[in-house]
Structures are given as C-alpha cells and as structure tokens.
Amino acid sequence: MISPRVLERRESGKNPSDSVTEQSDDSSVTQDDPFDARFFRCIPPPSFGGGRKKGVEHVMRDVEGGWLLRYMHANGARYVPPWGQMSFWGATVITSLASAIPVVGDTIVTWLWGGFSVDNATLNRFFSLHHLLPFILVGASLLHLAALHQYGSNNPLGVHSEMDHISFYPYFYVKDLVGWVAFAIFFSIWIFYAPNVLGHPDNYIPANPMPTPPHIVPEWYFLPIHAILRSIPDKSGGVAAIAPVFICLLALPFFKSMYVRSSSFRPIHQGIFWLLLADRLLLGWIGCQPVEAPFVTIGQIPPFVFFLFFAITPIPGRVGRGIPNSYTDETDQ
C-alpha cells in the first residue's frame, strides 16, 4: 500500500507527482523496484468493492507507467476486474443469463459466481480469464497463420490460381507494414487523448451491491448482442436468441454456395452486405438506449433482419454471373 506520508501530502494539497520517489523505505512502491514488482504490490488483498477498486487506482496513479499499461491491454475481460459499479452489475446480469438453461442453469450460475452472489471469488475467476485469454488468442493466431500458409490468402477477384502469385516480400510486407503503422497511430491517439471515450462514468464508482444503476449497458462491442437479448421480453427466449448469433457467424465461412469468394461482381450480394452493416449499427445504437418507448418497438426489427441475412446468404451465390467472362471457363473447371 501507499505510505502514510504520501497520503498526508495528498490531503494537504501538495503536488504528489514525485511521491513515488520520495516516500519512506517502509513503502511497498519504490523507485528501485522493477516495474512488475511495483505493479503487483499495488494490488491490495481481496476485499469487496473498495479494496479492489483502490488497487486499480494505485496502479493507475502511483505506479510509473501504470496508466499506460492498463489502457494498452484493455479488452473485454477488463470490464469486471476494475470492480466498479457498472462492472459489478454487468457481471451479475451476464452471469445470471446461464440460469435460463434448463435443469443445470442455477448450478452453473453458482459455479460461475463461486458462491451465491457476485463476490471476490467471481472477481478472481475473471482475473484468471483475463490472463488466460492472451494465450488463447496466440494459439488462434498460430492456427490462422498455419491455414494461411497452406491455403493462401484471398484476393479482391476471388479467383484462385496456381500460376498467378505475388511474393510476400516486398508486396505483402510493405502492405502489412503500412497497416501496422496506421493502426499504431490510431491506437496511440486513442490511448493518449481519449482512453475513456467508450467507457462508462459509473464504473469509477466502487462496486456496491445495494443500489442498482438505472441503466446497465455492456461494452460497446457487445451492444448488438445486448439489443438482441432484450428484444425478446422472455428471459429464456432472449438467451435462446443469442446462441444462434454465434452459430451463424461461425458457420458463415462454410457457406460454399459461391464458386468465387468475392462480391466484386455481385451487386445483389453487395446490397445485402451493406444492409447487414446498417442493421448491426442500428443494433448497437438500440443496445445503448434505455428500455422504454419507442426503443423497445424499434429494437424488435433489427434482430429479424440480422437472422434473415444468414437465411438468404446462400441465394446470391446462385444468382448472377459473379465473375467476368474471361474467368468463367477457368473457374468452372
């Protein structure tokens, strides 16, 4: 924890910018410690609400570079570890969805919570998931590279040829390098100038199981799923509607109705794609709105359009030419 001297200086209104280097030897955060030691020593022992929240704030404010580390590695699993008001109730709502599973639903919820309510055991589970996900993503990336090495990448024409190839260096190397530089610039602007633009102000309030926030919303990338969930008044029906979303997305690469894997020459398929994109944006907007009229009525239309897209996706592959005449004979062989 932070030494009493530093706390006194903060209470007296003095500048604490150099407090880390000037605190006494009994402090657990010293300038001579390596960064990882200072990082983990700032995390307090398990306690409900305030302790965990203060640990995150210690990392943000008292560890050199702690704010940068937190903002850089922020992802979906970090929604609960900050242990703010929105984190606590978001975890409560999301994990409670498992109770809609027949017979074993309540048992699964108890196992996820590690007890009979969201508490420190639940937080430790999310911390474990938070540290496990990067290794899972690395494994998925290796599988992607293996598949890319075996089958090759796609191209705008969607025509695969064994004779017409482009070498990785310098063409793809330079192209990927430009993409990485553009991403690094955008990522840096986001971290240094607008790190909380997609956050929720209630998450700066320590977790409190007594008052319920008037409007609980997930992270921005889960807003479309949240809109589909609440488009059905029944809890079990809403949970049942979420599962087909992931099933359809995972099954999309296996829709082999097109001889050419491209929409460059398929205007019908292009129109359907832009319709799906507009529908996803509308779902995201509905998901962050309060549950009241007219958002409840409007929110029941986009989920229908979303599932309709996957129902009619195989049809455009059989309609229209799809490729220029010069490629027709080669593709049909």
Protein backbone atom coordinates (compact mmCIF):
# COMPACT_ATOMS: atom_id res chain seq x y z
CA MET A 1 0.00 0.00 0.00
CA ILE A 2 0.99 3.64 -0.26
CA SER A 3 2.88 5.11 2.70
CA PRO A 4 1.08 7.47 5.11
CA ARG A 5 3.46 10.27 4.13
CA VAL A 6 2.19 10.22 0.56
CA LEU A 7 -1.42 10.22 1.72
CA GLU A 8 -0.73 13.19 4.01
CA ARG A 9 0.83 15.14 1.17
CA ARG A 10 -2.22 14.47 -0.98
CA GLU A 11 -4.59 15.58 1.73
CA SER A 12 -2.60 18.78 2.24
CA GLY A 13 -2.94 19.62 -1.45
CA LYS A 14 0.77 19.37 -2.32
CA ASN A 15 1.94 18.12 -5.68
CA PRO A 16 2.24 14.30 -5.48
CA SER A 17 3.97 13.90 -8.83
CA ASP A 18 7.26 12.93 -7.18
CA SER A 19 5.69 10.99 -4.33
CA VAL A 20 6.82 7.61 -5.61
CA THR A 21 10.48 8.56 -5.46
CA GLU A 22 10.35 10.38 -2.13
CA GLN A 23 8.37 8.02 0.07
CA SER A 24 9.94 6.22 3.02
CA ASP A 25 11.63 2.82 3.00
CA ASP A 26 8.62 1.08 4.52
CA SER A 27 6.55 1.80 1.41
CA SER A 28 5.83 -1.09 -0.94
CA VAL A 29 6.17 1.12 -4.03
CA THR A 30 9.73 2.35 -4.50
CA GLN A 31 11.67 3.67 -7.43
CA ASP A 32 14.31 0.93 -7.08
CA ASP A 33 11.81 -1.90 -7.53
CA PRO A 34 11.31 -3.33 -11.01
CA PHE A 35 8.12 -2.36 -12.77
CA ASP A 36 6.39 -5.73 -12.40
CA ALA A 37 7.09 -5.79 -8.64
CA ARG A 38 5.67 -2.30 -8.18
CA PHE A 39 2.69 -3.28 -10.31
CA PHE A 40 1.66 -6.32 -8.27
CA ARG A 41 2.47 -4.79 -4.88
CA CYS A 42 -0.03 -2.04 -5.55
CA ILE A 43 -2.85 -4.60 -5.76
CA PRO A 44 -4.35 -4.94 -2.26
CA PRO A 45 -5.50 -8.21 -0.71
CA PRO A 46 -9.02 -9.42 -1.57
CA SER A 47 -11.78 -7.26 -0.21
CA PHE A 48 -15.17 -6.36 -1.55
CA GLY A 49 -15.63 -3.27 -3.67
CA GLY A 50 -13.37 -0.55 -2.34
CA GLY A 51 -10.18 -2.59 -1.89
CA ARG A 52 -10.08 -3.91 -5.42
CA LYS A 53 -11.08 -0.56 -6.86
CA LYS A 54 -8.33 1.18 -4.91
CA GLY A 55 -5.84 -1.37 -6.21
CA VAL A 56 -6.64 -0.43 -9.78
CA GLU A 57 -6.39 3.26 -8.93
CA HIS A 58 -3.00 2.66 -7.26
CA VAL A 59 -1.74 1.09 -10.47
CA MET A 60 -3.12 4.00 -12.47
CA ARG A 61 -1.81 6.80 -10.27
CA ASP A 62 1.17 5.56 -8.24
CA VAL A 63 2.97 3.07 -10.46
CA GLU A 64 5.22 4.60 -13.07
CA GLY A 65 3.61 3.83 -16.42
CA GLY A 66 0.70 2.01 -14.77
CA TRP A 67 -1.92 4.08 -16.55
CA LEU A 68 -0.30 3.28 -19.89
CA LEU A 69 -0.18 -0.45 -19.15
CA ARG A 70 -3.85 -0.55 -18.18
CA TYR A 71 -5.06 1.40 -21.20
CA MET A 72 -2.89 -0.56 -23.62
CA HIS A 73 -4.02 -4.03 -22.61
CA ALA A 74 -7.67 -3.15 -22.01
CA ASN A 75 -10.03 -5.68 -23.60
CA GLY A 76 -13.31 -7.44 -22.89
CA ALA A 77 -12.09 -9.23 -19.77
CA ARG A 78 -11.06 -5.94 -18.17
CA TYR A 79 -14.71 -4.90 -17.82
CA VAL A 80 -15.04 -6.73 -14.50
CA PRO A 81 -11.51 -6.51 -12.94
CA PRO A 82 -11.77 -2.71 -12.37
CA TRP A 83 -14.60 -3.64 -9.96
CA GLY A 84 -16.63 -0.51 -10.42
CA GLN A 85 -20.38 -0.16 -10.15
CA MET A 86 -21.00 -0.96 -13.80
CA SER A 87 -18.51 -3.85 -13.66
CA PHE A 88 -20.26 -5.45 -10.70
CA TRP A 89 -23.77 -5.22 -12.10
CA GLY A 90 -22.64 -6.10 -15.60
CA ALA A 91 -21.09 -9.30 -14.25
CA THR A 92 -24.26 -10.01 -12.28
CA VAL A 93 -26.52 -9.63 -15.31
CA ILE A 94 -24.32 -11.54 -17.76
CA THR A 95 -23.61 -14.50 -15.49
CA SER A 96 -27.28 -14.69 -14.49
CA LEU A 97 -28.16 -15.49 -18.10
CA ALA A 98 -26.89 -19.02 -17.51
CA SER A 99 -29.82 -19.58 -15.15
CA ALA A 100 -32.08 -19.81 -18.21
CA ILE A 101 -30.51 -23.18 -19.10
CA PRO A 102 -32.92 -25.94 -18.07
CA VAL A 103 -32.08 -28.20 -15.11
CA VAL A 104 -28.43 -27.15 -14.64
CA GLY A 105 -28.79 -23.37 -15.04
CA ASP A 106 -28.73 -22.47 -11.35
CA THR A 107 -25.81 -24.81 -10.71
CA ILE A 108 -23.80 -23.16 -13.49
CA VAL A 109 -24.51 -19.70 -12.10
CA THR A 110 -23.37 -20.76 -8.63
CA TRP A 111 -20.20 -22.22 -10.13
CA LEU A 112 -19.51 -19.03 -12.09
CA TRP A 113 -20.04 -16.88 -9.02
CA GLY A 114 -18.08 -19.14 -6.68
CA GLY A 115 -20.89 -18.65 -4.17
CA PHE A 116 -24.43 -17.36 -4.02
CA SER A 117 -23.68 -13.87 -5.35
CA VAL A 118 -21.04 -11.97 -7.28
CA ASP A 119 -18.14 -11.53 -4.86
CA ASN A 120 -14.37 -11.85 -4.59
CA ALA A 121 -14.42 -15.42 -5.91
CA THR A 122 -16.17 -14.19 -9.05
CA LEU A 123 -13.61 -11.44 -9.46
CA ASN A 124 -10.74 -13.92 -9.14
CA ARG A 125 -12.32 -16.04 -11.86
CA PHE A 126 -12.46 -13.06 -14.20
CA PHE A 127 -8.86 -12.19 -13.36
CA SER A 128 -7.86 -15.73 -14.32
CA LEU A 129 -9.81 -15.44 -17.56
CA HIS A 130 -8.17 -12.08 -18.16
CA HIS A 131 -4.70 -13.65 -18.01
CA LEU A 132 -5.70 -16.80 -19.93
CA LEU A 133 -7.25 -15.08 -22.95
CA PRO A 134 -3.96 -13.78 -24.41
CA PHE A 135 -2.59 -17.32 -24.64
CA ILE A 136 -5.79 -18.49 -26.31
CA LEU A 137 -5.54 -15.65 -28.81
CA VAL A 138 -1.91 -16.54 -29.53
CA GLY A 139 -2.95 -20.12 -30.25
CA ALA A 140 -5.74 -18.94 -32.54
CA SER A 141 -3.29 -16.66 -34.35
CA LEU A 142 -0.91 -19.57 -34.92
CA LEU A 143 -3.76 -21.63 -36.38
CA HIS A 144 -4.63 -18.72 -38.64
CA LEU A 145 -1.04 -18.45 -39.87
CA ALA A 146 -0.91 -22.21 -40.47
CA ALA A 147 -4.10 -22.08 -42.54
CA LEU A 148 -2.83 -19.03 -44.41
CA HIS A 149 0.41 -20.83 -45.22
CA GLN A 150 -1.44 -23.89 -46.52
CA TYR A 151 -4.32 -22.32 -48.48
CA GLY A 152 -3.05 -18.81 -49.18
CA SER A 153 -4.89 -15.52 -48.80
CA ASN A 154 -7.93 -14.30 -50.69
CA ASN A 155 -7.90 -11.57 -53.31
CA PRO A 156 -10.46 -8.97 -54.47
CA LEU A 157 -11.37 -11.02 -57.56
CA GLY A 158 -11.95 -14.16 -55.52
CA VAL A 159 -10.29 -16.33 -58.17
CA HIS A 160 -7.61 -18.78 -57.03
CA SER A 161 -4.84 -19.55 -59.49
CA GLU A 162 -1.85 -21.83 -59.02
CA MET A 163 0.20 -19.87 -61.57
CA ASP A 164 -0.57 -16.24 -60.76
CA HIS A 165 1.01 -15.42 -57.40
CA ILE A 166 2.59 -12.39 -55.71
CA SER A 167 5.61 -12.84 -53.48
CA PHE A 168 5.30 -11.95 -49.82
CA TYR A 169 8.30 -9.61 -49.94
CA PRO A 170 8.14 -6.76 -50.72
CA TYR A 171 4.45 -6.54 -51.71
CA PHE A 172 2.59 -8.01 -48.74
CA TYR A 173 5.39 -6.99 -46.38
CA VAL A 174 5.03 -3.31 -47.25
CA LYS A 175 1.24 -3.53 -47.29
CA ASP A 176 1.11 -5.07 -43.81
CA LEU A 177 3.71 -2.61 -42.54
CA VAL A 178 1.59 0.33 -43.67
CA GLY A 179 -1.41 -1.23 -41.95
CA TRP A 180 0.52 -1.70 -38.70
CA VAL A 181 1.78 1.89 -38.75
CA ALA A 182 -1.74 3.23 -39.35
CA PHE A 183 -3.05 1.07 -36.51
CA ALA A 184 -0.26 2.22 -34.17
CA ILE A 185 -1.05 5.87 -34.89
CA PHE A 186 -4.77 5.37 -34.29
CA PHE A 187 -4.10 3.27 -31.18
CA SER A 188 -1.73 5.88 -29.74
CA ILE A 189 -4.20 8.71 -30.30
CA TRP A 190 -6.88 6.67 -28.56
CA ILE A 191 -4.68 5.84 -25.55
CA PHE A 192 -3.10 9.24 -25.02
CA TYR A 193 -6.01 11.53 -25.84
CA ALA A 194 -9.30 9.64 -25.41
CA PRO A 195 -8.79 6.49 -23.29
CA ASN A 196 -12.23 6.66 -21.66
CA VAL A 197 -14.29 7.70 -24.67
CA LEU A 198 -16.02 4.29 -24.80
CA GLY A 199 -16.13 3.75 -21.04
CA HIS A 200 -18.95 4.40 -18.60
CA PRO A 201 -18.68 7.06 -15.86
CA ASP A 202 -20.45 4.81 -13.34
CA ASN A 203 -17.50 2.43 -13.47
CA TYR A 204 -15.44 4.94 -11.48
CA ILE A 205 -17.81 4.34 -8.55
CA PRO A 206 -16.64 1.41 -6.35
CA ALA A 207 -18.81 -1.70 -6.61
CA ASN A 208 -21.82 -1.59 -4.30
CA PRO A 209 -24.37 -4.44 -4.23
CA MET A 210 -27.07 -2.25 -2.68
CA PRO A 211 -28.01 0.38 -5.32
CA THR A 212 -28.70 -0.80 -8.86
CA PRO A 213 -27.64 1.53 -11.71
CA PRO A 214 -30.67 2.82 -13.61
CA HIS A 215 -29.21 1.83 -16.98
CA ILE A 216 -26.82 -1.13 -17.24
CA VAL A 217 -25.01 -1.42 -20.56
CA PRO A 218 -22.16 -3.72 -21.67
CA GLU A 219 -19.03 -2.72 -23.57
CA TRP A 220 -19.65 -1.14 -26.97
CA TYR A 221 -18.77 -4.28 -28.96
CA PHE A 222 -21.43 -6.27 -27.07
CA LEU A 223 -24.19 -3.72 -27.66
CA PRO A 224 -25.66 -5.55 -30.72
CA ILE A 225 -25.84 -8.78 -28.70
CA HIS A 226 -27.40 -6.87 -25.82
CA ALA A 227 -30.04 -5.44 -28.19
CA ILE A 228 -30.93 -8.92 -29.48
CA LEU A 229 -31.13 -10.22 -25.90
CA ARG A 230 -33.62 -7.62 -24.75
CA SER A 231 -35.66 -7.65 -27.99
CA ILE A 232 -37.50 -10.69 -26.60
CA PRO A 233 -39.40 -9.98 -23.36
CA ASP A 234 -38.94 -13.52 -22.04
CA LYS A 235 -35.56 -14.21 -20.40
CA SER A 236 -35.27 -17.75 -21.73
CA GLY A 237 -36.25 -16.60 -25.22
CA GLY A 238 -33.66 -13.83 -25.17
CA VAL A 239 -30.90 -16.22 -24.14
CA ALA A 240 -32.03 -18.70 -26.80
CA ALA A 241 -31.77 -15.93 -29.41
CA ILE A 242 -28.14 -15.20 -28.53
CA ALA A 243 -26.83 -18.70 -29.28
CA PRO A 244 -27.84 -18.64 -33.00
CA VAL A 245 -25.92 -15.37 -33.40
CA PHE A 246 -22.58 -17.04 -32.69
CA ILE A 247 -23.57 -20.22 -34.52
CA CYS A 248 -24.41 -18.24 -37.68
CA LEU A 249 -21.18 -16.25 -37.54
CA LEU A 250 -19.09 -19.39 -37.06
CA ALA A 251 -20.93 -21.20 -39.87
CA LEU A 252 -20.60 -18.33 -42.35
CA PRO A 253 -17.24 -19.48 -43.83
CA PHE A 254 -18.79 -22.86 -44.63
CA PHE A 255 -21.49 -21.40 -46.89
CA LYS A 256 -19.88 -22.66 -50.11
CA SER A 257 -22.63 -21.53 -52.44
CA MET A 258 -20.28 -19.22 -54.38
CA TYR A 259 -17.75 -20.52 -56.86
CA VAL A 260 -15.93 -17.20 -56.49
CA ARG A 261 -15.37 -15.94 -52.93
CA SER A 262 -15.85 -12.28 -53.74
CA SER A 263 -18.64 -9.72 -54.04
CA SER A 264 -16.84 -7.51 -56.55
CA PHE A 265 -19.15 -8.57 -59.39
CA ARG A 266 -22.27 -9.39 -57.37
CA PRO A 267 -24.36 -6.24 -56.84
CA ILE A 268 -27.11 -8.19 -55.06
CA HIS A 269 -24.68 -9.60 -52.54
CA GLN A 270 -23.11 -6.17 -52.04
CA GLY A 271 -26.51 -4.67 -51.24
CA ILE A 272 -27.22 -7.42 -48.71
CA PHE A 273 -23.82 -6.86 -47.09
CA TRP A 274 -24.39 -3.11 -46.64
CA LEU A 275 -27.85 -3.86 -45.29
CA LEU A 276 -26.30 -6.15 -42.67
CA LEU A 277 -23.76 -3.47 -41.73
CA ALA A 278 -26.50 -0.87 -41.29
CA ASP A 279 -28.50 -3.37 -39.25
CA ARG A 280 -25.52 -4.01 -36.94
CA LEU A 281 -25.05 -0.28 -36.39
CA LEU A 282 -28.73 0.07 -35.58
CA LEU A 283 -28.50 -2.82 -33.12
CA GLY A 284 -25.55 -1.13 -31.42
CA TRP A 285 -27.47 2.12 -31.12
CA ILE A 286 -30.55 0.37 -29.72
CA GLY A 287 -28.40 -1.57 -27.25
CA CYS A 288 -27.19 1.60 -25.53
CA GLN A 289 -30.65 3.16 -25.25
CA PRO A 290 -32.88 2.81 -22.15
CA VAL A 291 -35.62 0.18 -22.15
CA GLU A 292 -38.53 2.47 -22.95
CA ALA A 293 -40.70 3.53 -25.87
CA PRO A 294 -40.00 3.86 -28.76
CA PHE A 295 -36.71 1.95 -28.41
CA VAL A 296 -38.42 -1.28 -27.34
CA THR A 297 -40.53 -1.40 -30.50
CA ILE A 298 -37.69 -0.34 -32.79
CA GLY A 299 -35.36 -2.89 -31.23
CA GLN A 300 -37.54 -5.83 -32.31
CA ILE A 301 -36.99 -5.19 -36.05
CA PRO A 302 -33.16 -5.31 -36.45
CA PRO A 303 -32.77 -8.83 -34.92
CA PHE A 304 -35.21 -10.18 -37.51
CA VAL A 305 -33.20 -8.56 -40.33
CA PHE A 306 -29.97 -9.92 -38.84
CA PHE A 307 -31.12 -13.55 -38.89
CA LEU A 308 -32.77 -13.05 -42.29
CA PHE A 309 -29.35 -12.18 -43.73
CA PHE A 310 -27.94 -15.60 -42.84
CA ALA A 311 -31.05 -17.31 -44.18
CA ILE A 312 -30.72 -15.72 -47.64
CA THR A 313 -26.90 -15.63 -47.84
CA PRO A 314 -26.62 -18.83 -49.96
CA ILE A 315 -29.09 -17.46 -52.54
CA PRO A 316 -26.98 -14.65 -54.10
CA GLY A 317 -24.22 -17.18 -54.80
CA ARG A 318 -26.52 -18.82 -57.35
CA VAL A 319 -27.84 -15.60 -58.85
CA GLY A 320 -25.88 -13.54 -61.36
CA ARG A 321 -22.63 -14.16 -63.16
CA GLY A 322 -20.27 -13.26 -60.32
CA ILE A 323 -17.10 -13.02 -62.44
CA PRO A 324 -16.12 -11.58 -65.83
CA ASN A 325 -16.45 -13.78 -68.90
CA SER A 326 -12.67 -14.10 -69.18
CA TYR A 327 -12.53 -16.03 -65.91
CA THR A 328 -15.65 -18.18 -66.37
CA ASP A 329 -14.07 -21.15 -68.09
CA GLU A 330 -11.12 -21.28 -65.70
CA THR A 331 -13.33 -21.12 -62.61
CA ASP A 332 -15.79 -23.80 -63.73
CA GLN A 333 -13.02 -26.31 -64.34
